[in-house]
N, C-alpha and C. Protein backbone atom coordinates (compact mmCIF):
# COMPACT_ATOMS: atom_id res chain seq x y z
N GLN A 1 -18.47 6.03 -4.70
CA GLN A 1 -17.69 5.36 -3.67
C GLN A 1 -16.82 4.28 -4.32
N VAL A 2 -15.57 4.24 -3.92
CA VAL A 2 -14.63 3.32 -4.54
C VAL A 2 -14.46 2.08 -3.68
N GLN A 3 -14.34 0.95 -4.34
CA GLN A 3 -14.03 -0.31 -3.66
C GLN A 3 -12.60 -0.71 -4.01
N LEU A 4 -11.92 -1.24 -3.02
CA LEU A 4 -10.50 -1.57 -3.16
C LEU A 4 -10.26 -3.03 -2.81
N VAL A 5 -9.51 -3.73 -3.66
CA VAL A 5 -9.21 -5.13 -3.42
C VAL A 5 -7.70 -5.35 -3.59
N GLU A 6 -7.07 -5.76 -2.50
CA GLU A 6 -5.63 -6.03 -2.52
C GLU A 6 -5.35 -7.47 -2.93
N SER A 7 -4.19 -7.69 -3.51
CA SER A 7 -3.74 -9.04 -3.84
C SER A 7 -2.22 -9.04 -3.87
N GLY A 8 -1.65 -10.25 -3.89
CA GLY A 8 -0.21 -10.37 -4.02
C GLY A 8 0.53 -10.72 -2.75
N GLY A 9 -0.18 -10.79 -1.64
CA GLY A 9 0.48 -11.16 -0.41
C GLY A 9 0.87 -12.63 -0.40
N GLY A 10 1.62 -13.01 0.63
CA GLY A 10 2.02 -14.40 0.75
C GLY A 10 3.17 -14.57 1.72
N LEU A 11 3.77 -15.75 1.64
CA LEU A 11 4.90 -16.11 2.50
C LEU A 11 6.19 -16.01 1.68
N VAL A 12 7.16 -15.31 2.21
CA VAL A 12 8.43 -15.14 1.51
C VAL A 12 9.57 -15.17 2.52
N GLN A 13 10.72 -15.62 2.09
CA GLN A 13 11.88 -15.63 2.98
C GLN A 13 12.48 -14.23 3.09
N ALA A 14 13.14 -13.99 4.19
CA ALA A 14 13.82 -12.71 4.37
C ALA A 14 14.79 -12.48 3.21
N GLY A 15 14.80 -11.25 2.73
CA GLY A 15 15.61 -10.91 1.58
C GLY A 15 14.90 -11.03 0.26
N GLY A 16 13.72 -11.64 0.28
CA GLY A 16 12.96 -11.83 -0.94
C GLY A 16 12.11 -10.62 -1.30
N SER A 17 11.28 -10.81 -2.32
CA SER A 17 10.46 -9.72 -2.85
C SER A 17 9.02 -10.17 -3.03
N LEU A 18 8.12 -9.20 -2.96
CA LEU A 18 6.72 -9.40 -3.29
C LEU A 18 6.22 -8.12 -3.94
N ARG A 19 5.20 -8.28 -4.77
CA ARG A 19 4.55 -7.13 -5.37
C ARG A 19 3.06 -7.17 -5.04
N LEU A 20 2.62 -6.20 -4.30
CA LEU A 20 1.21 -6.08 -3.97
C LEU A 20 0.50 -5.24 -5.01
N SER A 21 -0.75 -5.59 -5.27
CA SER A 21 -1.60 -4.81 -6.17
C SER A 21 -2.87 -4.45 -5.43
N CYS A 22 -3.43 -3.33 -5.82
CA CYS A 22 -4.71 -2.90 -5.27
C CYS A 22 -5.56 -2.40 -6.43
N ALA A 23 -6.61 -3.14 -6.73
CA ALA A 23 -7.50 -2.78 -7.83
C ALA A 23 -8.68 -1.99 -7.31
N ALA A 24 -8.96 -0.89 -7.96
CA ALA A 24 -10.06 -0.02 -7.54
C ALA A 24 -11.22 -0.10 -8.54
N SER A 25 -12.42 0.01 -8.01
CA SER A 25 -13.61 0.03 -8.86
C SER A 25 -14.67 0.91 -8.21
N GLY A 26 -15.61 1.36 -9.02
CA GLY A 26 -16.73 2.12 -8.49
C GLY A 26 -16.50 3.61 -8.39
N GLY A 27 -15.37 4.08 -8.85
CA GLY A 27 -15.09 5.51 -8.80
C GLY A 27 -14.09 5.87 -9.88
N THR A 28 -13.77 7.15 -9.96
CA THR A 28 -12.76 7.60 -10.91
C THR A 28 -11.41 7.55 -10.22
N PHE A 29 -10.65 6.54 -10.54
CA PHE A 29 -9.42 6.23 -9.81
C PHE A 29 -8.47 7.42 -9.75
N SER A 30 -8.36 8.14 -10.84
CA SER A 30 -7.41 9.26 -10.89
C SER A 30 -7.83 10.43 -10.00
N ASN A 31 -8.99 10.37 -9.41
CA ASN A 31 -9.43 11.40 -8.47
C ASN A 31 -8.94 11.17 -7.04
N TYR A 32 -8.28 10.03 -6.82
CA TYR A 32 -7.89 9.64 -5.47
C TYR A 32 -6.38 9.57 -5.31
N ALA A 33 -5.90 10.17 -4.23
CA ALA A 33 -4.56 9.84 -3.77
C ALA A 33 -4.64 8.45 -3.13
N MET A 34 -3.56 7.68 -3.25
CA MET A 34 -3.59 6.31 -2.77
C MET A 34 -2.47 6.07 -1.76
N GLY A 35 -2.76 5.20 -0.82
CA GLY A 35 -1.75 4.89 0.18
C GLY A 35 -1.74 3.40 0.50
N TRP A 36 -0.62 2.97 1.01
CA TRP A 36 -0.47 1.62 1.58
C TRP A 36 -0.15 1.77 3.07
N PHE A 37 -0.82 0.96 3.87
CA PHE A 37 -0.60 0.90 5.30
C PHE A 37 -0.43 -0.56 5.68
N ARG A 38 0.07 -0.79 6.87
CA ARG A 38 0.20 -2.16 7.35
C ARG A 38 -0.08 -2.22 8.83
N GLN A 39 -0.51 -3.40 9.24
CA GLN A 39 -0.79 -3.63 10.66
C GLN A 39 -0.27 -4.98 11.06
N ALA A 40 0.72 -4.96 11.94
CA ALA A 40 1.26 -6.20 12.49
C ALA A 40 0.41 -6.62 13.69
N ALA A 41 0.49 -7.89 14.01
CA ALA A 41 -0.29 -8.41 15.12
C ALA A 41 0.02 -7.64 16.41
N GLY A 42 -1.03 -7.17 17.05
CA GLY A 42 -0.88 -6.47 18.31
C GLY A 42 -0.40 -5.04 18.21
N LYS A 43 -0.30 -4.53 16.99
CA LYS A 43 0.19 -3.17 16.80
C LYS A 43 -0.83 -2.33 16.05
N GLU A 44 -0.63 -1.02 16.08
CA GLU A 44 -1.51 -0.13 15.36
C GLU A 44 -1.17 -0.13 13.87
N ARG A 45 -2.18 0.25 13.08
CA ARG A 45 -1.96 0.36 11.65
C ARG A 45 -1.01 1.53 11.38
N GLU A 46 -0.01 1.30 10.55
CA GLU A 46 0.97 2.32 10.29
C GLU A 46 1.13 2.60 8.80
N PHE A 47 1.54 3.80 8.52
CA PHE A 47 1.76 4.26 7.16
C PHE A 47 2.97 3.56 6.55
N VAL A 48 2.84 3.21 5.26
CA VAL A 48 3.95 2.61 4.52
C VAL A 48 4.39 3.52 3.36
N ALA A 49 3.41 3.85 2.49
CA ALA A 49 3.75 4.65 1.30
C ALA A 49 2.47 5.30 0.78
N ALA A 50 2.65 6.40 0.05
CA ALA A 50 1.50 7.10 -0.54
C ALA A 50 1.93 7.74 -1.84
N ILE A 51 0.94 7.90 -2.73
CA ILE A 51 1.21 8.46 -4.04
C ILE A 51 0.05 9.38 -4.43
N SER A 52 0.39 10.50 -5.04
CA SER A 52 -0.62 11.47 -5.41
C SER A 52 -1.42 10.99 -6.62
N ARG A 53 -2.45 11.76 -6.96
CA ARG A 53 -3.34 11.37 -8.06
C ARG A 53 -2.60 11.13 -9.37
N SER A 54 -1.65 11.99 -9.65
CA SER A 54 -0.91 11.88 -10.91
C SER A 54 0.33 11.02 -10.80
N GLY A 55 0.70 10.69 -9.56
CA GLY A 55 1.94 9.95 -9.34
C GLY A 55 3.15 10.85 -9.17
N GLY A 56 2.93 12.15 -9.20
CA GLY A 56 4.05 13.07 -9.14
C GLY A 56 4.62 13.29 -7.75
N SER A 57 3.84 12.97 -6.72
CA SER A 57 4.32 13.11 -5.33
C SER A 57 4.22 11.76 -4.65
N ILE A 58 5.29 11.38 -3.99
CA ILE A 58 5.36 10.08 -3.33
C ILE A 58 5.98 10.25 -1.95
N PHE A 59 5.44 9.52 -0.98
CA PHE A 59 5.97 9.52 0.38
C PHE A 59 6.22 8.07 0.81
N TYR A 60 7.24 7.90 1.63
CA TYR A 60 7.54 6.59 2.21
C TYR A 60 7.81 6.74 3.70
N ALA A 61 7.45 5.71 4.43
CA ALA A 61 7.89 5.61 5.81
C ALA A 61 9.39 5.36 5.82
N ASP A 62 10.06 5.87 6.82
CA ASP A 62 11.51 5.69 6.89
C ASP A 62 11.91 4.21 6.91
N SER A 63 11.06 3.40 7.50
CA SER A 63 11.37 1.98 7.66
C SER A 63 11.40 1.21 6.34
N VAL A 64 10.80 1.79 5.30
CA VAL A 64 10.74 1.07 4.02
C VAL A 64 11.46 1.82 2.91
N LYS A 65 11.91 3.01 3.19
CA LYS A 65 12.57 3.82 2.17
C LYS A 65 13.77 3.09 1.60
N GLY A 66 13.87 3.05 0.28
CA GLY A 66 14.97 2.36 -0.39
C GLY A 66 14.71 0.90 -0.66
N ARG A 67 13.65 0.35 -0.06
CA ARG A 67 13.32 -1.06 -0.27
C ARG A 67 11.97 -1.24 -0.98
N PHE A 68 11.03 -0.36 -0.69
CA PHE A 68 9.68 -0.45 -1.25
C PHE A 68 9.49 0.66 -2.29
N THR A 69 8.68 0.36 -3.30
CA THR A 69 8.34 1.35 -4.33
C THR A 69 6.84 1.32 -4.58
N ILE A 70 6.22 2.48 -4.45
CA ILE A 70 4.80 2.60 -4.76
C ILE A 70 4.67 3.17 -6.17
N SER A 71 3.68 2.68 -6.90
CA SER A 71 3.40 3.20 -8.23
C SER A 71 1.92 3.02 -8.52
N ARG A 72 1.46 3.67 -9.57
CA ARG A 72 0.06 3.53 -9.94
C ARG A 72 -0.07 3.56 -11.45
N ASP A 73 -1.11 2.90 -11.91
CA ASP A 73 -1.47 2.91 -13.33
C ASP A 73 -2.92 3.35 -13.41
N ASN A 74 -3.13 4.60 -13.72
CA ASN A 74 -4.50 5.12 -13.74
C ASN A 74 -5.35 4.51 -14.85
N ALA A 75 -4.72 4.03 -15.90
CA ALA A 75 -5.47 3.37 -16.97
C ALA A 75 -6.00 2.02 -16.52
N LYS A 76 -5.31 1.40 -15.56
CA LYS A 76 -5.72 0.09 -15.05
C LYS A 76 -6.40 0.18 -13.69
N ASN A 77 -6.57 1.41 -13.17
CA ASN A 77 -7.21 1.60 -11.87
C ASN A 77 -6.53 0.78 -10.77
N THR A 78 -5.21 0.77 -10.79
CA THR A 78 -4.47 -0.08 -9.89
C THR A 78 -3.27 0.68 -9.29
N VAL A 79 -3.04 0.42 -8.01
CA VAL A 79 -1.84 0.92 -7.34
C VAL A 79 -1.03 -0.30 -6.90
N TYR A 80 0.28 -0.15 -6.94
CA TYR A 80 1.18 -1.26 -6.65
C TYR A 80 2.12 -0.90 -5.50
N LEU A 81 2.62 -1.94 -4.86
CA LEU A 81 3.67 -1.77 -3.88
C LEU A 81 4.69 -2.87 -4.13
N GLN A 82 5.82 -2.50 -4.70
CA GLN A 82 6.91 -3.43 -4.90
C GLN A 82 7.76 -3.45 -3.64
N MET A 83 7.90 -4.62 -3.06
CA MET A 83 8.63 -4.76 -1.80
C MET A 83 9.85 -5.64 -2.02
N ASN A 84 11.02 -5.08 -1.84
CA ASN A 84 12.26 -5.80 -2.00
C ASN A 84 13.01 -5.88 -0.68
N SER A 85 13.98 -6.76 -0.61
CA SER A 85 14.80 -6.91 0.61
C SER A 85 13.93 -7.01 1.84
N LEU A 86 12.95 -7.86 1.78
CA LEU A 86 11.98 -7.97 2.88
C LEU A 86 12.63 -8.47 4.15
N LYS A 87 12.14 -7.96 5.26
CA LYS A 87 12.64 -8.32 6.58
C LYS A 87 11.51 -8.95 7.39
N HIS A 88 11.87 -9.67 8.41
CA HIS A 88 10.86 -10.30 9.26
C HIS A 88 9.91 -9.24 9.81
N GLU A 89 10.43 -8.09 10.14
CA GLU A 89 9.60 -7.03 10.72
C GLU A 89 8.63 -6.39 9.72
N ASP A 90 8.71 -6.78 8.45
CA ASP A 90 7.72 -6.33 7.47
C ASP A 90 6.45 -7.19 7.51
N THR A 91 6.47 -8.24 8.29
CA THR A 91 5.31 -9.11 8.41
C THR A 91 4.12 -8.33 8.96
N ALA A 92 3.01 -8.35 8.22
CA ALA A 92 1.83 -7.60 8.60
C ALA A 92 0.72 -7.86 7.58
N VAL A 93 -0.47 -7.39 7.92
CA VAL A 93 -1.53 -7.28 6.92
C VAL A 93 -1.35 -5.93 6.25
N TYR A 94 -1.32 -5.93 4.94
CA TYR A 94 -1.13 -4.70 4.17
C TYR A 94 -2.46 -4.26 3.58
N TYR A 95 -2.76 -2.98 3.77
CA TYR A 95 -4.01 -2.40 3.30
C TYR A 95 -3.72 -1.28 2.31
N CYS A 96 -4.53 -1.20 1.27
CA CYS A 96 -4.47 0.00 0.45
C CYS A 96 -5.66 0.88 0.82
N ALA A 97 -5.50 2.16 0.57
CA ALA A 97 -6.52 3.13 0.95
C ALA A 97 -6.55 4.26 -0.07
N ALA A 98 -7.72 4.87 -0.19
CA ALA A 98 -7.93 5.95 -1.14
C ALA A 98 -8.37 7.21 -0.40
N SER A 99 -7.81 8.31 -0.84
CA SER A 99 -8.13 9.60 -0.22
C SER A 99 -8.69 10.56 -1.27
N THR A 100 -9.77 11.25 -0.88
CA THR A 100 -10.31 12.28 -1.76
C THR A 100 -9.55 13.60 -1.61
N GLY A 101 -8.66 13.66 -0.64
CA GLY A 101 -7.87 14.86 -0.43
C GLY A 101 -6.48 14.74 -1.07
N VAL A 102 -5.61 15.58 -0.63
CA VAL A 102 -4.25 15.54 -1.15
C VAL A 102 -3.51 14.36 -0.54
N VAL A 103 -2.46 13.92 -1.18
CA VAL A 103 -1.69 12.78 -0.69
C VAL A 103 -1.08 13.12 0.67
N ALA A 104 -1.13 12.16 1.57
CA ALA A 104 -0.63 12.41 2.92
C ALA A 104 -0.25 11.10 3.58
N PRO A 105 0.73 11.12 4.45
CA PRO A 105 1.14 9.91 5.16
C PRO A 105 0.38 9.70 6.46
N ARG A 106 -0.88 10.09 6.50
CA ARG A 106 -1.66 10.03 7.72
C ARG A 106 -2.91 9.20 7.51
N ARG A 107 -3.10 8.23 8.38
CA ARG A 107 -4.22 7.29 8.23
C ARG A 107 -5.56 8.00 8.18
N GLU A 108 -5.74 9.02 8.97
CA GLU A 108 -7.04 9.67 9.07
C GLU A 108 -7.41 10.45 7.81
N ARG A 109 -6.48 10.63 6.91
CA ARG A 109 -6.77 11.34 5.67
C ARG A 109 -7.43 10.45 4.62
N TYR A 110 -7.52 9.17 4.87
CA TYR A 110 -7.99 8.22 3.88
C TYR A 110 -9.44 7.84 4.14
N ASP A 111 -10.22 7.79 3.05
CA ASP A 111 -11.66 7.62 3.16
C ASP A 111 -12.14 6.21 2.89
N TYR A 112 -11.40 5.47 2.09
CA TYR A 112 -11.81 4.13 1.70
C TYR A 112 -10.64 3.16 1.89
N TRP A 113 -10.99 1.96 2.34
CA TRP A 113 -9.98 0.95 2.67
C TRP A 113 -10.33 -0.38 2.05
N GLY A 114 -9.29 -1.12 1.67
CA GLY A 114 -9.48 -2.50 1.26
C GLY A 114 -9.50 -3.42 2.46
N GLN A 115 -9.66 -4.71 2.19
CA GLN A 115 -9.75 -5.71 3.25
C GLN A 115 -8.39 -6.18 3.73
N GLY A 116 -7.36 -5.93 2.97
CA GLY A 116 -6.02 -6.28 3.39
C GLY A 116 -5.53 -7.59 2.79
N THR A 117 -4.22 -7.71 2.72
CA THR A 117 -3.58 -8.94 2.27
C THR A 117 -2.40 -9.24 3.18
N GLN A 118 -2.29 -10.50 3.59
CA GLN A 118 -1.25 -10.88 4.56
C GLN A 118 0.10 -11.05 3.89
N VAL A 119 1.10 -10.45 4.47
CA VAL A 119 2.50 -10.65 4.06
C VAL A 119 3.24 -11.22 5.25
N THR A 120 3.85 -12.38 5.05
CA THR A 120 4.62 -13.03 6.10
C THR A 120 6.03 -13.25 5.60
N VAL A 121 6.99 -12.72 6.35
CA VAL A 121 8.40 -12.85 5.99
C VAL A 121 9.07 -13.76 7.00
N SER A 122 9.56 -14.88 6.54
CA SER A 122 10.22 -15.83 7.45
C SER A 122 11.69 -15.45 7.58
N SER A 123 12.16 -15.57 8.80
CA SER A 123 13.56 -15.18 9.06
C SER A 123 14.48 -16.38 8.96
């Protein structure tokens, strides 16, 4: 069973950048497809980005395409989310998740979740 710990959240002005990290432990990281999701106050958790085990397949939500970049370093057991040109509507708790199946932009496909990290974008 894998444990996931997110970091890198914080307060940033609109137009700024943040880089989120998610460190995995307790499992073989390269066996998991990884995803980032977010949940704004009063809203459902939504898909942001996902990356396959090898990094060869990547998916993005339309709302972040061209601004966010997901990547992974299997040697460091870490997945990243580089967020550029941040908007107020990106404000949310960001979660990373691990899937034992194939990479997918669907929340129900993910088996393990981190505790989340808050991202607040001031307008």
